[in-house]
Amino acid sequence: MARLDASDLATRLGREAEAVCRHYLDAGRRQGNYWQVGDARNTPGRSMFVRLKETVKGPAGKWTDAATGEHGDLLDVIRESCGLIDFADVIGEARSFLSLPRPEPAPAPKERPGKPAPSGSAEAARRLFAMSKPISGTPVETYFRTRGITALHGTGNLRFHPRCYYRPDDHGPLETWPAMIAAVTDLNGRITGAHRTWLAPDGTDKAPVETQRKAMGDLLGHAVRFGVPGDVMAAGEGIESVLSVSQAIPDMAMAAALSAAHLAAVLFPETLRRLYVIRDNDPAGDGARDSLIERANAVGIEAIVLSPVLEDFNEDLRRLGLDTLRANLRGQLAPQDVARFMALAA
């Protein structure tokens, strides 16, 4: 997607005003054609009204705080609710949001289906994601920080569930653990699956269970996506590895396919012209790399491999540091992409 100016972004956000409010103002609720909340900082209350549909009174996305007289658009909501200072960060967050999955609002209790979604289905994945909450201030944020991942803008397709079911096998007892819930989406942003990473209660490590990660739903060809893909993007296996690369190249769109087999099958956006393949130093990673490169080249997409120094890029980030990781990646990018994606990351 081409870069958008502030006016264009505000208009685009207005077209999805309810989704913006559900994401950034989740302390509020819908009342008719308005979203009602305490203020633009997502304080519980009823004094601020966000117009959800265009009317004769004005466009969707415009809001007024009756208590203070403040008013604005959805870019102001993003700034205030996220605590952002630099307008460039607001623009970046808005552009990232426009690529996020949009789960359907949960039906009212009387409309809710009488039976649960089939276990492991795409519908069950969508419901799990909808029941989870943003990761800010949760054990998921702690978990990432222990792994050196501190820049978490554009990660709205990652959420936190405080008591996610875990069963070690078909006959084992049902347990609950905190978990990171990642939305797996298709190229249109529709949730097709979910990936669960069970965590220790304080978030300092994964949970002490036998299988710490499990996926559900329709995964083939799809991925956990970060950023808006255009003519250049990067794709890898694990969420932690992909986000480690994103620490050094924060403006490049990325996708985590969750396994070597799924990386080899990930689908390409129509606009893609150059693909960076984030590899792990293992035989399965090499096989996925070769298959993905072959598929990309067959449809005219240039494929470039990004290789870590150690086992994977998260290990590089934790043991070698961000500066060394950035220098290693700088040497592997096409020169035009260094200027485009890394000029402001040094």
Foldseek 3Di string as FASTA:
>chain_A
DDQDDPVVLLQLCQQVVVLLCCAQQVLWDDDVQWTAAQDLLNHHDGQKIFGNQADPVGTGQWMARNVPRDIDGSLSSQCNNVVHDDSVLSSQLSQLVVLAARQDPADDPVPHDPDDDPPQALVNLSVVQNPFHACPPALQQVLLVLLVQNPCRSQSQKTKDAFDWDAQDPPGDIGTAIWIKGFKAANRNHGFKIKIAGDHRNNNGGDPDDDRIDIGGDQAQIFRKGGDAAQEAEEEADPSQFSLLCLQQVHHIYTHSNFLVRLLRHDDDPRYAEYEYFAFPDPSRVVSLVSNCVVCVVVNHHYFYQYDPDGGSSCCCVPVHNVVSNVSVLVRDDVVVCVVGRPPSD
